[in-house]
Structure formats: C-alpha cells, structure tokens
Amino acid sequence: MSFKFIKATLTLSGMIIGAGMFGIPFSFARAGFWLGTLELIVLSGLMLIFHLFYAEIVLRTSGIHRMPGYMREHLGKKSYRLSWLSSVFGISGSLLAYIILGAIFLNNLLPANQFLWAVFLVLAGAVITYFPLKKESFINSILAVFLVGFILYLVITLLPDIKTFNLSGFYPDSIFVPYGILLFSLAGGIVIPEVVILSDKNRKTTHRAVVAGSLLPAVLYFLFALAVVGISGVAVSSDAIRGLAVFAGDRVVFWGNIIGLLAVFTSLVATSKNFQEMLRLDFIFSKRKAWVLVSTLPLILYTFGFRNFIGTIGAVGVLAVGVDSALVLAAHYKLRKKEGERLGFWSYVWRAAIYLMVILGIVYEVLNF
C-alpha cells in the first residue's frame, strides 16, 4: 500500500465526509432506517461509478480542468453551459450549507446571534482563501482521520443504548427525503482531478484510491446513522448532534459540535478554493474577482433567508449532483465510442436506469421546491 494511494484515498474521503453527514440521520428517521440504508447502498454504488468514470475522463484528457472544462472537451458548448450552471448552483449551495451548519455548531458551543456566526465563518474563510493554499488536501486528510475516530467513538459509546424499535419504521412515501441528501453527502467529484494528480496519473492507483475513497464514507455514514437514529428515533435533530443531548450527555454533544465545526469549516475552505480555481481556469476570471464572488455569494444567499440546511443539501444533491452525474455518464460514453470501444446491451440498460433516477429526482425536487 503506497503513500500516494493513502494520500489520494484520504483526499477524496476527506472531501466527501463533511456537512452532508449530519443530515443523514434526520432523513433516515423520516423515511425509515432500513429504507434509508437501502438507498445508501444503491446511491453509494452509483456515486462510485460516477467517480470512476470522471477519473477515467481526467486520465484520458490532456490538460487540467474542472467539471465544465471536461464537459466542453467531450460534449460541446451546450453541455458546457449546463455543467457551468450546475457547478455554480451546486458549489454555491454547498458553501451555503456549510455556513448554515457551521453557524448552528458555533451557536451550540457559544450561544449568540446565529447570523453573526455566519458572517464570522464567511470572513474567516475569505481571509484563508485569499492566500495560496498548498496543504489543504493534507489538512482534509488529517481531519478525515479525526472524523473516522469520532464516528467510531460515538458508535461504541451509544451502541449499548440503541433501541431496535427506533430502527423499525418504514415510510415509502418519504423515499425521496434521503435521496438528495445522500447524493450531496456522497459526492466528491470536485477533487477527482486532484486525486488523479496525487496518483501520478497511474490508472491502477487512481482506480483503487477512488474505490476506497468513495466507499469509506458510505460505511461511516451507515454507522453514524445507526448510532444517532438508534438512540434518538424520530426525535433526531436536523444537525444530528444537538438532539443527542438528552440521550448521550453534554460531553458527546460538545465533541460532536467541535468535530462537526472543523469538518464544515475545512470543507468550506477547500470548496471555496476549488470554486475560485474553476472560475479562473474555465471562466477566465481574475484571481481577485473570483475571490470576491466566491467569498460573498453564500453570505448574500444566507442574508436573503436561505437557511434551511436539510432543504439546501437536498436540492443541491438532486439538481447539481444529479445533473453532473448524467453529464459524466454521457461524456464517458462518448469518449469510449470515440476510441472505438464496443458497449454491450446491459451497459445501455443501466445507463438508462441512472438517467431515469436523475430525472425523477429532479422532478420531485422541483415540485416540492
């Protein structure tokens, strides 16, 4: 097991594990724990395919881009524009979600004005991303290790008190509640180009890192949801941590808020920096203009009242991650056809099934907006 593989794996896992994790127990409680688990298994497999296909596109394309740039290379201007809209919506929504949840965690630790905590997070992120960052992937990797440790500690602490009847609900009419949240929580496409670079563009190392980096968060999400839903049942809070106070005590809640805040803030910094790079590489923004736009946009949205954490990550998951996944499938298919590879019948069937899932999710989200 090489150091490059470990670093690439932790970079992907560190990017994936973040704010979305804290919305999963709430969504599982609404749909029923085992129905949510089934969705987690299915969507983990689909996101793994998405990450592998995107990695293959990066490996087979000259130059370094972000998602819209790769779509322009392989699908043309119309798909480039769609990817551009999806990326801007998805990353802006992600930054907004980080601010919403970060302000909640800060307010849990030091009760004050939640809006002021949101402003503080934005300013802190803006100051850090103004300067060149060379160790953000390393910091995310270290934090991923802490998150794994916290989740395992939480599961071990709560396991003896889990009540099986809290896991017995089954509500098919709420099947789409975990859908967008899980897509948001499992998506790590934004760092796939970096994973390829960390793997020295070695196909075998890249694929192994993508598989390990994509599946590790899924296992941790299951354990985290098992512990929180098993203890809290339908009383689980939207941020997962605050509602544990009655069942697990203040010590667990305190460390949960600390770890959650660190996860959210590092994701905020890494995503902000990636967004700025995307604006510079693919949209020819100056460094200063990209920094100003990325630093102010999420706070503007927050100021105008977009403060529903569950609703935000659900919409981003269904609309942005769903569209990105469909575009990557199309680009990968075109790339393989162009290089003369033959695709079997079942390849078309499962691709059509994925497109159908994406479309149904988008229709559901739009109707419930």
Foldseek 3Di string as FASTA:
>chain_A
DDPLLLLLLLLLLLLLAAQLLLQLLLLCLVAFVVLSLVLLVVVLVLQLVLLLLLLVLLLPDPDDAFLLVSLCVQPNDVLSVVLVVLLVLLLLLLLLLLLLLLLVLVCVVPPDDSLVSSVVLLVVLLVVLLDDDDCLSVLSSVLSVVVLVLLVVLLVQQVVVFDVVLRGDHHVVSSLLCVLSSLLSQDRRLCSSVSCVSQVSDSVSSSSSSSSSRVVVSVSSSSNSSRQSRFQRNQQDSSSQVSCCVPRNDVSSNVVSVSNSSSSSSSSNVSLNSQLVNCCRPVVDDSVVSSVCSSCSSSVVVVVPPNDSSLSSSLSRLRSSLSSSLSSLVSSVSVCVVVPHDDDPVSVVVNVVSNVVSVVSNVVSVVVD
